[in-house]
């Protein structure tokens, strides 16, 4: 799993994406020819203060480490947190992410 780090990569995914929306997150998926999985995480100030935003990012990263079997290959994925993600419990975050990953696998 690689990280999307540059502004250019984020903009590239934003321009040409397939959008999948859940209760807590939005997935923006772009298919690529290479055989790897890259992910970027976006948590805006609407989610909460810096402590809350970092907590949401840590939880997403922890989920991605725990569930490597769900990572699709040949995909760049941007995960955008909705404001409700800041107050959600860990189990709801996991359930929403699993549901969205199953949808994008199809």
C-alpha atoms as a PDB file:
ATOM      1  CA  UNK A   1       0.000   0.000   0.000  1.00  0.00           C
ATOM      2  CA  UNK A   2       1.379   3.349  -1.065  1.00  0.00           C
ATOM      3  CA  UNK A   3       0.342   6.817   0.082  1.00  0.00           C
ATOM      4  CA  UNK A   4      -0.882   9.605  -2.146  1.00  0.00           C
ATOM      5  CA  UNK A   5       1.193  12.570  -1.037  1.00  0.00           C
ATOM      6  CA  UNK A   6       1.362  15.219  -3.748  1.00  0.00           C
ATOM      7  CA  UNK A   7      -1.268  17.773  -4.653  1.00  0.00           C
ATOM      8  CA  UNK A   8      -1.014  16.648  -8.282  1.00  0.00           C
ATOM      9  CA  UNK A   9      -1.926  13.053  -7.401  1.00  0.00           C
ATOM     10  CA  UNK A  10      -4.937  14.182  -5.338  1.00  0.00           C
ATOM     11  CA  UNK A  11      -6.144  16.448  -8.150  1.00  0.00           C
ATOM     12  CA  UNK A  12      -5.697  13.631 -10.650  1.00  0.00           C
ATOM     13  CA  UNK A  13      -7.982  11.380  -8.592  1.00  0.00           C
ATOM     14  CA  UNK A  14     -10.484  14.220  -8.030  1.00  0.00           C
ATOM     15  CA  UNK A  15     -10.772  14.869 -11.786  1.00  0.00           C
ATOM     16  CA  UNK A  16     -11.283  11.299 -12.959  1.00  0.00           C
ATOM     17  CA  UNK A  17     -13.004   9.307 -10.260  1.00  0.00           C
ATOM     18  CA  UNK A  18     -15.764   6.889  -9.467  1.00  0.00           C
ATOM     19  CA  UNK A  19     -17.537   8.162  -6.341  1.00  0.00           C
ATOM     20  CA  UNK A  20     -18.910   5.820  -3.685  1.00  0.00           C
ATOM     21  CA  UNK A  21     -20.619   7.319  -0.654  1.00  0.00           C
ATOM     22  CA  UNK A  22     -21.272   5.797   2.749  1.00  0.00           C
ATOM     23  CA  UNK A  23     -22.588   7.129   6.049  1.00  0.00           C
ATOM     24  CA  UNK A  24     -19.226   8.398   7.316  1.00  0.00           C
ATOM     25  CA  UNK A  25     -16.900   8.425   4.301  1.00  0.00           C
ATOM     26  CA  UNK A  26     -16.735   9.132   0.587  1.00  0.00           C
ATOM     27  CA  UNK A  27     -14.457   7.014  -1.594  1.00  0.00           C
ATOM     28  CA  UNK A  28     -13.050   8.525  -4.791  1.00  0.00           C
ATOM     29  CA  UNK A  29     -11.554   5.708  -6.853  1.00  0.00           C
ATOM     30  CA  UNK A  30      -9.416   5.983  -9.969  1.00  0.00           C
ATOM     31  CA  UNK A  31      -8.317   2.917 -11.882  1.00  0.00           C
ATOM     32  CA  UNK A  32      -4.669   2.843 -12.928  1.00  0.00           C
ATOM     33  CA  UNK A  33      -2.657   0.547 -15.165  1.00  0.00           C
ATOM     34  CA  UNK A  34       0.021  -0.209 -12.576  1.00  0.00           C
ATOM     35  CA  UNK A  35      -0.447  -3.132 -10.203  1.00  0.00           C
ATOM     36  CA  UNK A  36      -0.476  -1.418  -6.805  1.00  0.00           C
ATOM     37  CA  UNK A  37      -2.866   0.230  -4.339  1.00  0.00           C
ATOM     38  CA  UNK A  38      -2.387   3.872  -3.324  1.00  0.00           C
ATOM     39  CA  UNK A  39      -4.506   5.687  -0.766  1.00  0.00           C
ATOM     40  CA  UNK A  40      -4.899   9.271   0.398  1.00  0.00           C
ATOM     41  CA  UNK A  41      -6.907  10.478   3.399  1.00  0.00           C
ATOM     42  CA  UNK A  42      -8.716  13.820   3.531  1.00  0.00           C
ATOM     43  CA  UNK A  43     -10.236  15.079   6.796  1.00  0.00           C
ATOM     44  CA  UNK A  44     -11.454  18.679   6.639  1.00  0.00           C
ATOM     45  CA  UNK A  45     -12.044  21.149   9.459  1.00  0.00           C
ATOM     46  CA  UNK A  46     -15.770  20.363   9.249  1.00  0.00           C
ATOM     47  CA  UNK A  47     -15.005  17.070  11.016  1.00  0.00           C
ATOM     48  CA  UNK A  48     -13.654  18.756  14.147  1.00  0.00           C
ATOM     49  CA  UNK A  49     -10.608  20.299  15.733  1.00  0.00           C
ATOM     50  CA  UNK A  50      -7.060  19.037  15.116  1.00  0.00           C
ATOM     51  CA  UNK A  51      -7.275  16.345  17.801  1.00  0.00           C
ATOM     52  CA  UNK A  52     -10.462  14.892  16.296  1.00  0.00           C
ATOM     53  CA  UNK A  53      -9.151  15.094  12.716  1.00  0.00           C
ATOM     54  CA  UNK A  54      -5.935  13.285  13.647  1.00  0.00           C
ATOM     55  CA  UNK A  55      -7.915  10.639  15.542  1.00  0.00           C
ATOM     56  CA  UNK A  56     -10.043   9.965  12.456  1.00  0.00           C
ATOM     57  CA  UNK A  57      -6.910   9.685  10.276  1.00  0.00           C
ATOM     58  CA  UNK A  58      -5.269   7.298  12.772  1.00  0.00           C
ATOM     59  CA  UNK A  59      -8.374   5.122  12.801  1.00  0.00           C
ATOM     60  CA  UNK A  60      -8.509   4.969   8.999  1.00  0.00           C
ATOM     61  CA  UNK A  61      -4.804   4.045   8.821  1.00  0.00           C
ATOM     62  CA  UNK A  62      -5.297   1.373  11.515  1.00  0.00           C
ATOM     63  CA  UNK A  63      -8.201  -0.084   9.544  1.00  0.00           C
ATOM     64  CA  UNK A  64      -6.114  -0.169   6.361  1.00  0.00           C
ATOM     65  CA  UNK A  65      -3.299  -2.008   8.174  1.00  0.00           C
ATOM     66  CA  UNK A  66      -5.701  -4.556   9.706  1.00  0.00           C
ATOM     67  CA  UNK A  67      -7.602  -5.292   6.481  1.00  0.00           C
ATOM     68  CA  UNK A  68      -4.967  -5.591   3.776  1.00  0.00           C
ATOM     69  CA  UNK A  69      -7.024  -8.315   2.113  1.00  0.00           C
ATOM     70  CA  UNK A  70      -9.588  -5.664   1.101  1.00  0.00           C
ATOM     71  CA  UNK A  71      -7.056  -3.552  -0.821  1.00  0.00           C
ATOM     72  CA  UNK A  72      -7.845  -3.587  -4.541  1.00  0.00           C
ATOM     73  CA  UNK A  73      -4.895  -3.562  -6.945  1.00  0.00           C
ATOM     74  CA  UNK A  74      -4.642  -1.121  -9.814  1.00  0.00           C
ATOM     75  CA  UNK A  75      -6.466   1.603  -7.858  1.00  0.00           C
ATOM     76  CA  UNK A  76      -5.733   5.024  -6.434  1.00  0.00           C
ATOM     77  CA  UNK A  77      -8.221   5.781  -3.674  1.00  0.00           C
ATOM     78  CA  UNK A  78      -8.947   8.996  -1.794  1.00  0.00           C
ATOM     79  CA  UNK A  79     -10.950   8.559   1.425  1.00  0.00           C
ATOM     80  CA  UNK A  80     -12.812  11.731   2.415  1.00  0.00           C
ATOM     81  CA  UNK A  81     -14.240  11.856   5.942  1.00  0.00           C
ATOM     82  CA  UNK A  82     -17.699  13.338   6.444  1.00  0.00           C
ATOM     83  CA  UNK A  83     -18.378  15.505   9.534  1.00  0.00           C
ATOM     84  CA  UNK A  84     -20.180  12.581  11.232  1.00  0.00           C
ATOM     85  CA  UNK A  85     -16.908  10.598  11.288  1.00  0.00           C
ATOM     86  CA  UNK A  86     -15.561  12.846  14.048  1.00  0.00           C
ATOM     87  CA  UNK A  87     -18.130  11.646  16.583  1.00  0.00           C
ATOM     88  CA  UNK A  88     -18.504   8.048  15.390  1.00  0.00           C
ATOM     89  CA  UNK A  89     -17.386   5.088  17.479  1.00  0.00           C
ATOM     90  CA  UNK A  90     -14.685   2.737  16.202  1.00  0.00           C
ATOM     91  CA  UNK A  91     -17.100  -0.078  15.316  1.00  0.00           C
ATOM     92  CA  UNK A  92     -19.232   2.198  13.113  1.00  0.00           C
ATOM     93  CA  UNK A  93     -16.115   3.456  11.325  1.00  0.00           C
ATOM     94  CA  UNK A  94     -14.966  -0.121  10.677  1.00  0.00           C
ATOM     95  CA  UNK A  95     -18.399  -1.187   9.437  1.00  0.00           C
ATOM     96  CA  UNK A  96     -18.684   1.764   7.059  1.00  0.00           C
ATOM     97  CA  UNK A  97     -15.178   1.245   5.653  1.00  0.00           C
ATOM     98  CA  UNK A  98     -15.765  -2.499   5.155  1.00  0.00           C
ATOM     99  CA  UNK A  99     -19.040  -1.793   3.376  1.00  0.00           C
ATOM    100  CA  UNK A 100     -17.410   0.771   1.060  1.00  0.00           C
ATOM    101  CA  UNK A 101     -14.454  -1.490   0.271  1.00  0.00           C
ATOM    102  CA  UNK A 102     -16.852  -4.303  -0.646  1.00  0.00           C
ATOM    103  CA  UNK A 103     -18.725  -1.936  -2.978  1.00  0.00           C
ATOM    104  CA  UNK A 104     -15.589  -0.787  -4.816  1.00  0.00           C
ATOM    105  CA  UNK A 105     -14.388  -4.386  -5.234  1.00  0.00           C
ATOM    106  CA  UNK A 106     -17.308  -5.038  -7.620  1.00  0.00           C
END
